[in-house]
Amino acid sequence: MLDYVIGVDLGTSVVKATLVAVRPTEPPNAQPGGVVATASRTVQMHHPGPGEAEQDPEEFVAAALSAMAEVASLAGIEPCSVAGIAFSGQMGGAMAIDRHGQALTPWYPSTLDVRYQPYLQPVLAAAGSRLLALGGAVPILAPRIAWWRGELPALYGQIDKVLLLANFVAARLCGLAGDAICCDPSYLTWTGLADTARRTWSDELANLWGVSLDCLPRIVAAGDVVGGLNGEAAQRCGLCAGTPVVAGAGDQVAGFLGAGLVEPGQLIDVAGTFPVFATCLDRCLMDGEQHIFQPLAGPLGEQHWYAMMYIGGGGLTHHWFAEQYGLLDMPAARRQLAEDDAHLAYAQLDAMAADLPPGAQGMLFIPHLLGRACPPDPAVRGAWLGFTWTHGPAQFYRSLLESIAYDYAQALSVLRGELPELPYDVVRVIGGGSRSSVWNQIKADVLGLPYVRLSEGDRAALGCAILAGHAVGIYPDMAAAARSFAQPRDTTFPRAEWHACYQGYVEVYRRSFDHLREIYTALGALSSRPWPPPAACAPPGE
């Protein structure tokens, strides 16, 4: 009897596997939605130099297999009782493989590795509007290919396929190579080589970058079976060879599905490392000249879409702030501190900031420490405005929490302007930050909408479990399955008087970018100037 499905989420620092019972009442220890067991494995981020970030794709393969083996062992299931497996993964980034399917490069995660930037900027200057109109976002994958071609020509000559991390892991577990490599259309947005609205690769953009479309994976539906576990993978994870492996989707899209976002106008906040605010739509939204939202292809069909904005590294700023105020020691933080320790630090900060009035007593924070992503403005940096000697850690931290909500408020305003007929009446919240009742209250007050916290669980892994089940006929109606997984835990309601107070801060926050842009640009130019080392500067009179 095929009683289970497995979803695996390949995150930036953690790989998580979730085993779901097809019949949620069995076994008796199943959690809401049928979750039977979960397991996670940490993975490392390497920084060989300034602005460089790399991850070992084989480490992700090993972590995925180990996590799947653990959930199977915890549940005591029969090896052949798993009907299907699907993977989600980081949506921005790139890696390359040879014709045998072996990794030629590390996985370069999102925009954390900036070595491709010199190859991006000239193309943006020459054809940025067309890139955004077709792709929907500032690209990451195409300029990475250009970087390999320009800086690593010997490696470039060996490349057979360029792909995303989850595509690689799925292919390795099935022994796939060449044209058998697949990806689903949710990954297209950040490639710079796709006509995202049509869910296809773009000849026009390939010509713009001088890239052959032959080096890209086949595009398949998120719920398509792409292969079966090969013998080696099956032995390592304790499952049966031939177990179907499903295409899966990008981590955000899989998470949206796992959170039950299946109706137009539903909203979600992913309070994580990269804070995300998104909505479900029945069309592809390219928001004109504003470029706040990026379109993502949904898995329910050609008319299923998400519009998403995000804040690069917003969650990392929380971690940085806790370090600076001594709540996390720096060496431990760099070793990817245990989650419980981080939660304790954030709970202390929340307690400090909870009773402050709106606006952190006249303070404003800009949370885009490494540039603004939505809309794209790489010159933007962080800033605190309005602080005096009377402000301390509590006010600084509250202003940090509020700044994310102010960005969300701008995004919600765009949605209401573009698609006013949709309801936008409640926000679902997931991710580690959803545990903060203070932050949920701030965001509810700023947006004027109830915040519904969903039950615990990795939503991307749950979304993948739904996709795996759909592929093998267990969940013929994915939307209905997604609704059954989206169990609410509690609701935070907005306070009308606080919402009214916050509107002035939202407007000042919006205006601050126009006033600070020239300053950011000037500071960037100054910081890039070469300066002599201190030893070369002789004291006066010598």
Protein backbone atom coordinates (compact mmCIF):
# COMPACT_ATOMS: atom_id res chain seq x y z
CA MET A 1 0.00 0.00 0.00
CA LEU A 2 1.41 3.41 -1.00
CA ASP A 3 0.59 5.35 2.14
CA TYR A 4 3.06 8.26 2.20
CA VAL A 5 4.62 11.09 0.22
CA ILE A 6 7.79 13.05 1.00
CA GLY A 7 8.53 16.72 0.43
CA VAL A 8 12.07 18.05 0.72
CA ASP A 9 12.97 21.74 0.96
CA LEU A 10 16.57 22.67 0.08
CA GLY A 11 17.06 25.89 2.03
CA THR A 12 20.05 28.20 2.22
CA SER A 13 21.22 26.82 5.56
CA VAL A 14 18.93 23.86 6.30
CA VAL A 15 17.54 20.94 4.30
CA LYS A 16 14.17 19.77 5.65
CA ALA A 17 12.23 16.60 4.83
CA THR A 18 8.58 16.04 5.69
CA LEU A 19 6.80 12.67 5.56
CA VAL A 20 3.05 12.99 5.01
CA ALA A 21 0.46 10.25 5.46
CA VAL A 22 -1.87 9.98 2.50
CA ARG A 23 -4.66 9.08 4.92
CA PRO A 24 -4.28 11.73 7.68
CA THR A 25 -5.97 9.57 10.34
CA GLU A 26 -3.21 6.98 10.01
CA PRO A 27 -0.98 6.50 11.88
CA PRO A 28 -2.43 7.85 15.14
CA ASN A 29 0.58 10.12 15.78
CA ALA A 30 0.03 12.13 12.59
CA GLN A 31 -0.02 15.90 13.01
CA PRO A 32 -2.61 18.22 11.40
CA GLY A 33 -2.58 17.73 7.64
CA GLY A 34 -1.15 14.24 7.94
CA VAL A 35 2.46 15.14 8.81
CA VAL A 36 4.02 12.05 10.35
CA ALA A 37 7.71 12.92 10.70
CA THR A 38 10.15 15.70 9.93
CA ALA A 39 13.92 15.88 9.85
CA SER A 40 16.50 18.51 9.01
CA ARG A 41 20.18 18.75 8.15
CA THR A 42 22.33 21.86 8.20
CA VAL A 43 24.41 22.78 5.17
CA GLN A 44 27.34 25.14 5.02
CA MET A 45 27.85 28.43 3.25
CA HIS A 46 31.46 29.12 2.22
CA HIS A 47 32.88 32.61 1.74
CA PRO A 48 36.22 32.27 -0.09
CA GLY A 49 36.57 36.04 -0.30
CA PRO A 50 34.70 39.34 0.00
CA GLY A 51 31.43 39.24 -1.94
CA GLU A 52 31.84 35.50 -2.59
CA ALA A 53 29.39 32.82 -1.47
CA GLU A 54 29.42 29.17 -2.49
CA GLN A 55 27.73 25.94 -1.44
CA ASP A 56 28.63 22.35 -2.26
CA PRO A 57 25.79 20.79 -4.30
CA GLU A 58 26.86 17.29 -3.25
CA GLU A 59 26.39 18.32 0.38
CA PHE A 60 22.75 19.06 -0.47
CA VAL A 61 22.39 15.64 -2.10
CA ALA A 62 23.78 13.95 1.01
CA ALA A 63 21.64 16.10 3.33
CA ALA A 64 18.46 15.33 1.38
CA LEU A 65 19.11 11.58 1.40
CA SER A 66 19.97 11.60 5.11
CA ALA A 67 16.87 13.63 6.05
CA MET A 68 14.63 11.31 4.01
CA ALA A 69 16.21 8.28 5.66
CA GLU A 70 15.51 9.79 9.08
CA VAL A 71 11.83 10.48 8.46
CA ALA A 72 11.37 6.98 7.11
CA SER A 73 13.11 5.54 10.16
CA LEU A 74 11.22 7.73 12.65
CA ALA A 75 7.89 6.61 11.21
CA GLY A 76 8.96 2.98 10.90
CA ILE A 77 7.51 2.73 7.39
CA GLU A 78 8.05 0.06 4.79
CA PRO A 79 10.58 1.13 2.12
CA CYS A 80 8.08 0.75 -0.71
CA SER A 81 5.22 2.58 1.02
CA VAL A 82 6.31 6.00 -0.28
CA ALA A 83 4.37 6.92 -3.41
CA GLY A 84 6.45 9.91 -4.50
CA ILE A 85 9.04 12.54 -3.60
CA ALA A 86 9.34 16.19 -4.68
CA PHE A 87 11.93 18.86 -4.03
CA SER A 88 11.80 22.61 -3.61
CA GLY A 89 14.87 24.81 -3.60
CA GLN A 90 16.39 28.25 -3.68
CA MET A 91 14.92 30.13 -6.63
CA GLY A 92 17.76 32.50 -7.45
CA GLY A 93 21.26 31.31 -8.26
CA ALA A 94 22.99 28.99 -10.68
CA MET A 95 25.27 26.00 -11.04
CA ALA A 96 26.63 24.05 -13.99
CA ILE A 97 27.02 20.34 -14.77
CA ASP A 98 28.88 18.35 -17.40
CA ARG A 99 27.37 15.90 -19.87
CA HIS A 100 27.49 13.13 -17.26
CA GLY A 101 25.41 15.15 -14.81
CA GLN A 102 28.34 15.87 -12.48
CA ALA A 103 28.70 19.29 -10.87
CA LEU A 104 31.29 21.53 -12.51
CA THR A 105 30.74 24.45 -10.18
CA PRO A 106 29.53 25.12 -6.67
CA TRP A 107 25.97 26.27 -6.15
CA TYR A 108 26.08 30.08 -6.19
CA PRO A 109 23.17 31.15 -3.96
CA SER A 110 20.94 34.03 -5.08
CA THR A 111 22.65 37.43 -4.95
CA LEU A 112 24.90 36.55 -2.01
CA ASP A 113 27.77 35.92 -4.44
CA VAL A 114 28.26 39.16 -6.36
CA ARG A 115 31.01 38.19 -8.79
CA TYR A 116 28.56 38.19 -11.67
CA GLN A 117 27.54 41.82 -11.10
CA PRO A 118 30.04 43.38 -13.56
CA TYR A 119 28.46 41.24 -16.29
CA LEU A 120 24.94 42.24 -15.29
CA GLN A 121 25.22 46.01 -15.11
CA PRO A 122 26.08 46.71 -18.80
CA VAL A 123 23.17 44.57 -19.98
CA LEU A 124 20.81 46.26 -17.53
CA ALA A 125 21.95 49.65 -18.78
CA ALA A 126 21.42 48.66 -22.41
CA ALA A 127 18.27 46.54 -22.20
CA GLY A 128 17.02 46.57 -18.60
CA SER A 129 13.46 47.52 -19.45
CA ARG A 130 13.14 44.62 -21.89
CA LEU A 131 14.69 42.19 -19.42
CA LEU A 132 12.19 43.19 -16.76
CA ALA A 133 9.25 43.21 -19.18
CA LEU A 134 9.90 39.63 -20.32
CA GLY A 135 11.48 38.04 -17.26
CA GLY A 136 9.87 40.01 -14.46
CA ALA A 137 12.96 40.48 -12.28
CA VAL A 138 16.61 41.48 -12.33
CA PRO A 139 18.32 38.29 -13.54
CA ILE A 140 20.79 36.13 -11.64
CA LEU A 141 21.39 33.05 -13.80
CA ALA A 142 22.18 34.63 -17.18
CA PRO A 143 24.87 37.03 -15.89
CA ARG A 144 26.40 34.11 -13.98
CA ILE A 145 26.82 32.31 -17.32
CA ALA A 146 28.40 35.47 -18.72
CA TRP A 147 30.78 35.53 -15.75
CA TRP A 148 31.85 31.93 -16.36
CA ARG A 149 32.39 32.70 -20.04
CA GLY A 150 34.43 35.82 -19.29
CA GLU A 151 36.42 34.71 -16.25
CA LEU A 152 36.53 30.91 -16.44
CA PRO A 153 36.64 29.99 -20.15
CA ALA A 154 38.04 26.47 -19.58
CA LEU A 155 35.19 25.63 -17.24
CA TYR A 156 32.68 27.29 -19.55
CA GLY A 157 33.75 24.99 -22.37
CA GLN A 158 32.83 21.92 -20.31
CA ILE A 159 29.29 23.06 -19.41
CA ASP A 160 26.46 20.89 -20.68
CA LYS A 161 23.60 22.33 -18.59
CA VAL A 162 23.05 25.29 -16.32
CA LEU A 163 20.39 24.66 -13.72
CA LEU A 164 19.00 25.36 -10.26
CA LEU A 165 19.94 23.50 -7.09
CA ALA A 166 16.73 21.47 -6.71
CA ASN A 167 16.93 20.44 -10.38
CA PHE A 168 20.42 19.09 -9.73
CA VAL A 169 19.45 17.15 -6.59
CA ALA A 170 16.44 15.56 -8.29
CA ALA A 171 18.58 14.64 -11.30
CA ARG A 172 21.34 13.11 -9.14
CA LEU A 173 18.86 10.96 -7.22
CA CYS A 174 17.44 9.67 -10.50
CA GLY A 175 20.71 9.42 -12.43
CA LEU A 176 19.59 11.95 -15.05
CA ALA A 177 21.82 13.94 -17.37
CA GLY A 178 21.62 15.93 -20.62
CA ASP A 179 18.18 16.64 -22.01
CA ALA A 180 16.55 14.58 -19.27
CA ILE A 181 17.26 17.44 -16.81
CA CYS A 182 14.05 19.35 -16.00
CA CYS A 183 12.81 22.41 -14.14
CA ASP A 184 9.33 23.74 -13.50
CA PRO A 185 8.31 27.27 -14.62
CA SER A 186 8.35 28.76 -11.11
CA TYR A 187 12.13 29.07 -11.46
CA LEU A 188 12.06 31.14 -14.66
CA THR A 189 11.65 34.61 -13.16
CA TRP A 190 15.26 35.18 -12.07
CA THR A 191 17.01 33.48 -14.98
CA GLY A 192 17.05 36.43 -17.39
CA LEU A 193 16.49 33.93 -20.20
CA ALA A 194 12.73 33.35 -20.02
CA ASP A 195 9.48 34.82 -21.22
CA THR A 196 7.94 34.27 -17.80
CA ALA A 197 4.35 35.10 -18.76
CA ARG A 198 4.47 32.43 -21.48
CA ARG A 199 6.33 29.97 -19.23
CA THR A 200 8.98 29.37 -21.89
CA TRP A 201 12.62 30.09 -22.57
CA SER A 202 13.11 33.23 -24.67
CA ASP A 203 15.09 33.26 -27.92
CA GLU A 204 15.22 37.05 -27.68
CA LEU A 205 16.85 37.08 -24.25
CA ALA A 206 19.15 34.19 -25.14
CA ASN A 207 20.42 36.25 -28.06
CA LEU A 208 20.81 39.28 -25.81
CA TRP A 209 23.13 37.33 -23.51
CA GLY A 210 24.76 35.29 -26.25
CA VAL A 211 23.60 32.06 -24.60
CA SER A 212 22.39 28.91 -26.32
CA LEU A 213 19.06 27.64 -25.01
CA ASP A 214 20.48 24.12 -25.41
CA CYS A 215 22.30 24.56 -22.09
CA LEU A 216 19.05 25.04 -20.17
CA PRO A 217 16.76 22.36 -18.65
CA ARG A 218 13.50 21.25 -20.20
CA ILE A 219 10.49 23.04 -18.70
CA VAL A 220 7.90 20.68 -17.24
CA ALA A 221 4.91 21.10 -14.92
CA ALA A 222 5.64 21.14 -11.20
CA GLY A 223 3.55 17.99 -10.75
CA ASP A 224 5.24 15.95 -13.47
CA VAL A 225 7.24 12.81 -12.66
CA VAL A 226 10.81 13.34 -13.92
CA GLY A 227 12.32 9.99 -12.95
CA GLY A 228 12.66 7.33 -10.29
CA LEU A 229 15.15 6.87 -7.44
CA ASN A 230 18.19 5.02 -8.72
CA GLY A 231 19.65 2.12 -6.77
CA GLU A 232 22.35 4.09 -4.97
CA ALA A 233 19.98 6.84 -3.83
CA ALA A 234 17.36 4.31 -2.75
CA GLN A 235 19.89 2.42 -0.64
CA ARG A 236 21.12 5.62 1.05
CA CYS A 237 17.65 6.86 2.00
CA GLY A 238 16.06 3.51 2.79
CA LEU A 239 13.34 3.67 0.13
CA CYS A 240 12.63 1.53 -2.90
CA ALA A 241 14.44 1.99 -6.20
CA GLY A 242 12.11 3.44 -8.78
CA THR A 243 10.14 5.56 -6.29
CA PRO A 244 8.78 8.42 -8.46
CA VAL A 245 10.61 11.74 -8.20
CA VAL A 246 8.50 14.76 -9.13
CA ALA A 247 9.69 18.06 -10.63
CA GLY A 248 8.65 20.14 -7.61
CA ALA A 249 8.83 23.93 -7.51
CA GLY A 250 10.83 26.87 -6.22
CA ASP A 251 10.82 27.17 -2.46
CA GLN A 252 8.55 30.21 -2.33
CA VAL A 253 5.99 28.76 -4.72
CA ALA A 254 5.99 25.42 -2.94
CA GLY A 255 5.57 27.28 0.35
CA PHE A 256 2.65 29.29 -0.99
CA LEU A 257 0.95 26.08 -2.08
CA GLY A 258 1.65 24.46 1.29
CA ALA A 259 0.11 27.52 2.97
CA GLY A 260 -3.11 27.13 0.97
CA LEU A 261 -2.68 30.09 -1.40
CA VAL A 262 -4.97 28.92 -4.19
CA GLU A 263 -7.54 31.75 -4.57
CA PRO A 264 -6.92 35.16 -6.18
CA GLY A 265 -6.42 37.88 -3.59
CA GLN A 266 -5.12 35.64 -0.81
CA LEU A 267 -2.07 37.22 0.87
CA ILE A 268 0.93 35.70 2.59
CA ASP A 269 3.89 36.96 4.59
CA VAL A 270 6.94 34.69 4.76
CA ALA A 271 8.78 36.02 7.79
CA GLY A 272 12.18 34.48 7.13
CA THR A 273 15.73 35.21 6.01
CA PHE A 274 14.34 37.00 2.95
CA PRO A 275 11.00 38.48 4.11
CA VAL A 276 8.38 37.92 1.41
CA PHE A 277 4.97 39.48 0.81
CA ALA A 278 2.91 37.84 -1.93
CA THR A 279 -0.55 37.23 -3.31
CA CYS A 280 -2.25 34.57 -5.41
CA LEU A 281 -3.57 35.67 -8.83
CA ASP A 282 -5.28 34.25 -11.90
CA ARG A 283 -3.00 36.17 -14.28
CA CYS A 284 0.64 37.16 -14.63
CA LEU A 285 1.16 40.58 -13.03
CA MET A 286 3.90 42.80 -14.43
CA ASP A 287 3.35 45.97 -12.41
CA GLY A 288 4.32 48.56 -15.02
CA GLU A 289 7.15 50.89 -14.13
CA GLN A 290 6.99 50.19 -10.39
CA HIS A 291 8.69 46.77 -10.46
CA ILE A 292 7.75 46.08 -6.86
CA PHE A 293 6.23 42.69 -7.66
CA GLN A 294 7.80 39.77 -9.45
CA PRO A 295 5.60 37.15 -11.17
CA LEU A 296 5.95 33.48 -10.27
CA ALA A 297 4.23 30.67 -12.16
CA GLY A 298 1.94 28.67 -9.87
CA PRO A 299 1.49 24.88 -10.08
CA LEU A 300 -2.31 24.66 -10.43
CA GLY A 301 -2.34 25.45 -14.15
CA GLU A 302 -1.56 28.08 -16.76
CA GLN A 303 -3.80 30.63 -15.03
CA HIS A 304 -2.31 30.15 -11.58
CA TRP A 305 0.19 32.85 -10.62
CA TYR A 306 1.76 34.54 -7.63
CA ALA A 307 3.00 38.11 -7.39
CA MET A 308 5.81 38.45 -4.88
CA MET A 309 8.06 41.11 -3.41
CA TYR A 310 10.92 40.45 -1.03
CA ILE A 311 13.49 42.22 1.11
CA GLY A 312 17.00 40.91 0.59
CA GLY A 313 18.41 39.56 3.83
CA GLY A 314 15.85 41.22 6.09
CA GLY A 315 15.96 38.28 8.48
CA LEU A 316 19.76 38.43 8.52
CA THR A 317 19.45 42.01 9.80
CA HIS A 318 17.59 40.71 12.86
CA HIS A 319 20.49 38.35 13.50
CA TRP A 320 23.03 41.12 12.98
CA PHE A 321 21.19 43.41 15.39
CA ALA A 322 21.10 40.70 18.07
CA GLU A 323 24.84 40.21 17.64
CA GLN A 324 25.59 43.91 18.01
CA TYR A 325 23.68 44.13 21.28
CA GLY A 326 25.40 41.09 22.75
CA LEU A 327 22.43 38.72 22.67
CA LEU A 328 24.23 36.40 20.24
CA ASP A 329 27.98 35.97 20.36
CA MET A 330 29.59 36.56 16.98
CA PRO A 331 31.56 33.29 16.60
CA ALA A 332 28.50 31.17 17.42
CA ALA A 333 26.34 33.15 15.00
CA ARG A 334 28.79 32.51 12.21
CA ARG A 335 28.58 28.80 12.96
CA GLN A 336 24.87 28.99 12.17
CA LEU A 337 23.63 29.21 15.74
CA ALA A 338 21.04 26.73 17.00
CA GLU A 339 17.51 27.94 16.31
CA ASP A 340 16.50 27.78 19.98
CA ASP A 341 19.26 30.23 20.94
CA ALA A 342 18.25 32.64 18.21
CA HIS A 343 14.58 32.45 19.23
CA LEU A 344 15.55 33.25 22.83
CA ALA A 345 17.47 36.32 21.68
CA TYR A 346 14.56 37.53 19.56
CA ALA A 347 12.15 36.95 22.45
CA GLN A 348 14.28 39.25 24.61
CA LEU A 349 14.27 41.92 21.91
CA ASP A 350 10.50 41.56 21.42
CA ALA A 351 9.93 42.06 25.14
CA MET A 352 11.99 45.26 25.04
CA ALA A 353 10.09 46.66 22.04
CA ALA A 354 6.55 45.46 22.81
CA ASP A 355 5.23 48.43 24.76
CA LEU A 356 6.59 51.22 22.59
CA PRO A 357 4.19 53.47 20.65
CA PRO A 358 3.90 53.44 16.84
CA GLY A 359 6.96 54.77 15.06
CA ALA A 360 9.47 53.78 17.76
CA GLN A 361 9.22 57.30 19.21
CA GLY A 362 10.01 59.10 15.97
CA MET A 363 12.51 56.67 14.41
CA LEU A 364 12.67 55.20 10.92
CA PHE A 365 14.86 52.37 9.67
CA ILE A 366 15.78 51.43 6.09
CA PRO A 367 16.28 47.62 6.08
CA HIS A 368 17.91 47.19 2.65
CA LEU A 369 21.49 46.74 3.83
CA LEU A 370 22.72 45.24 0.56
CA GLY A 371 20.47 47.07 -1.90
CA ARG A 372 16.76 47.15 -2.53
CA ALA A 373 15.31 44.25 -4.52
CA CYS A 374 11.69 45.35 -5.08
CA PRO A 375 11.87 47.73 -6.86
CA PRO A 376 15.47 47.01 -7.87
CA ASP A 377 17.85 49.69 -6.61
CA PRO A 378 21.29 48.28 -5.76
CA ALA A 379 22.61 51.62 -4.46
CA VAL A 380 20.28 51.58 -1.41
CA ARG A 381 21.80 50.76 1.96
CA GLY A 382 20.62 50.75 5.56
CA ALA A 383 19.87 53.88 7.57
CA TRP A 384 18.39 54.95 10.88
CA LEU A 385 16.66 58.31 10.79
CA GLY A 386 15.33 60.49 13.58
CA PHE A 387 17.12 58.99 16.57
CA THR A 388 18.35 61.02 19.54
CA TRP A 389 20.12 60.34 22.86
CA THR A 390 16.79 59.21 24.26
CA HIS A 391 16.63 56.22 21.91
CA GLY A 392 18.05 52.87 22.93
CA PRO A 393 18.07 49.23 21.78
CA ALA A 394 14.29 48.86 22.22
CA GLN A 395 13.50 51.74 19.86
CA PHE A 396 16.13 50.69 17.33
CA TYR A 397 14.78 47.16 17.26
CA ARG A 398 11.15 48.20 17.01
CA SER A 399 12.00 50.47 14.08
CA LEU A 400 13.63 47.47 12.39
CA LEU A 401 10.43 45.43 12.79
CA GLU A 402 8.27 48.31 11.58
CA SER A 403 10.39 48.91 8.48
CA ILE A 404 9.48 45.52 7.01
CA ALA A 405 5.81 46.32 7.56
CA TYR A 406 6.23 49.68 5.81
CA ASP A 407 7.64 47.92 2.74
CA TYR A 408 4.68 45.54 2.80
CA ALA A 409 2.29 48.50 3.03
CA GLN A 410 3.73 49.94 -0.18
CA ALA A 411 3.33 46.59 -1.88
CA LEU A 412 -0.28 46.25 -0.74
CA SER A 413 -1.00 49.73 -2.10
CA VAL A 414 0.34 48.65 -5.51
CA LEU A 415 -1.86 45.55 -5.51
CA ARG A 416 -4.95 47.55 -4.67
CA GLY A 417 -4.12 49.95 -7.47
CA GLU A 418 -3.43 47.27 -10.08
CA LEU A 419 -6.17 44.79 -9.14
CA PRO A 420 -8.73 46.61 -6.99
CA GLU A 421 -11.42 43.97 -7.48
CA LEU A 422 -9.63 41.39 -5.29
CA PRO A 423 -10.45 41.13 -1.55
CA TYR A 424 -7.03 41.34 0.22
CA ASP A 425 -8.79 40.82 3.53
CA VAL A 426 -6.38 38.74 5.62
CA VAL A 427 -2.66 37.88 5.65
CA ARG A 428 -1.39 34.38 6.35
CA VAL A 429 2.01 34.34 8.01
CA ILE A 430 4.60 31.55 8.01
CA GLY A 431 8.33 31.31 8.67
CA GLY A 432 10.42 31.66 11.80
CA GLY A 433 9.40 35.28 12.33
CA SER A 434 5.73 34.26 12.55
CA ARG A 435 6.43 33.18 16.14
CA SER A 436 6.84 36.82 17.15
CA SER A 437 3.50 38.07 18.42
CA VAL A 438 4.97 41.59 18.60
CA TRP A 439 5.95 41.55 14.92
CA ASN A 440 2.62 40.06 13.86
CA GLN A 441 0.82 42.83 15.77
CA ILE A 442 2.98 45.54 14.17
CA LYS A 443 2.32 44.23 10.67
CA ALA A 444 -1.41 43.81 11.32
CA ASP A 445 -1.57 47.40 12.61
CA VAL A 446 0.42 48.86 9.72
CA LEU A 447 -1.54 47.02 7.01
CA GLY A 448 -4.89 47.21 8.79
CA LEU A 449 -5.46 43.48 8.15
CA PRO A 450 -5.76 40.44 10.42
CA TYR A 451 -2.65 38.25 10.57
CA VAL A 452 -3.40 34.51 10.63
CA ARG A 453 -0.51 32.37 11.83
CA LEU A 454 -0.59 28.90 10.34
CA SER A 455 0.27 25.74 12.24
CA GLU A 456 3.95 24.86 12.55
CA GLY A 457 5.70 23.02 9.73
CA ASP A 458 7.89 23.64 6.73
CA ARG A 459 5.37 24.91 4.20
CA ALA A 460 7.68 24.42 1.22
CA ALA A 461 8.15 20.77 2.12
CA LEU A 462 4.37 20.43 2.57
CA GLY A 463 3.82 22.02 -0.83
CA CYS A 464 6.20 19.50 -2.34
CA ALA A 465 4.33 16.67 -0.64
CA ILE A 466 1.15 17.92 -2.32
CA LEU A 467 2.92 18.04 -5.69
CA ALA A 468 4.27 14.53 -5.21
CA GLY A 469 0.83 13.26 -4.25
CA HIS A 470 -0.77 14.95 -7.23
CA ALA A 471 1.76 13.46 -9.63
CA VAL A 472 0.92 9.91 -8.57
CA GLY A 473 -2.85 10.44 -8.42
CA ILE A 474 -3.31 10.76 -4.64
CA TYR A 475 -4.33 14.43 -4.67
CA PRO A 476 -6.17 14.94 -7.98
CA ASP A 477 -7.38 18.33 -6.71
CA MET A 478 -4.25 20.16 -5.55
CA ALA A 479 -6.20 23.21 -4.41
CA ALA A 480 -8.37 21.12 -2.08
CA ALA A 481 -5.32 19.34 -0.70
CA ALA A 482 -3.58 22.68 -0.10
CA ARG A 483 -6.59 24.02 1.81
CA SER A 484 -6.55 20.96 4.07
CA PHE A 485 -2.89 21.61 4.97
CA ALA A 486 -3.42 25.29 5.83
CA GLN A 487 -4.58 24.93 9.43
CA PRO A 488 -4.72 28.27 11.32
CA ARG A 489 -3.02 28.47 14.70
CA ASP A 490 -4.08 31.93 15.90
CA THR A 491 -5.08 35.36 14.59
CA THR A 492 -3.74 38.84 15.40
CA PHE A 493 -6.25 41.60 14.72
CA PRO A 494 -5.33 45.16 13.73
CA ARG A 495 -6.09 48.07 16.05
CA ALA A 496 -7.81 50.89 14.19
CA GLU A 497 -6.19 53.71 16.17
CA TRP A 498 -2.69 52.24 15.67
CA HIS A 499 -3.35 51.73 11.95
CA ALA A 500 -4.27 55.41 11.65
CA CYS A 501 -1.10 56.46 13.48
CA TYR A 502 1.08 54.34 11.25
CA GLN A 503 -0.09 55.86 7.96
CA GLY A 504 2.11 58.92 8.38
CA TYR A 505 5.15 56.73 8.98
CA VAL A 506 4.36 54.67 5.88
CA GLU A 507 4.30 57.84 3.79
CA VAL A 508 7.55 59.19 5.26
CA TYR A 509 9.16 55.79 4.66
CA ARG A 510 8.06 55.88 1.01
CA ARG A 511 9.46 59.38 0.54
CA SER A 512 12.77 58.59 2.24
CA PHE A 513 14.05 56.60 -0.72
CA ASP A 514 13.71 59.57 -3.07
CA HIS A 515 15.55 61.85 -0.66
CA LEU A 516 18.32 59.38 0.19
CA ARG A 517 19.07 57.98 -3.25
CA GLU A 518 21.63 60.67 -4.09
CA ILE A 519 23.31 60.17 -0.72
CA TYR A 520 23.55 56.40 -1.19
CA THR A 521 25.04 56.85 -4.65
CA ALA A 522 27.62 59.36 -3.41
CA LEU A 523 28.61 57.14 -0.48
CA GLY A 524 29.00 54.17 -2.79
CA ALA A 525 31.28 56.15 -5.09
CA LEU A 526 33.40 57.37 -2.17
CA SER A 527 33.76 53.93 -0.63
CA SER A 528 34.95 52.45 -3.92
CA ARG A 529 37.84 54.93 -4.27
CA PRO A 530 41.32 53.48 -3.69
CA TRP A 531 43.08 54.85 -0.63
CA PRO A 532 46.71 54.43 0.42
CA PRO A 533 47.31 52.10 3.37
CA PRO A 534 47.80 53.81 6.75
CA ALA A 535 51.51 52.98 6.78
CA ALA A 536 51.98 55.06 3.62
CA CYS A 537 50.66 58.20 5.35
CA ALA A 538 53.62 59.78 7.14
CA PRO A 539 52.94 62.03 10.17
CA PRO A 540 53.28 65.79 9.58
CA GLY A 541 56.86 67.05 9.68
CA GLU A 542 58.51 63.79 8.64
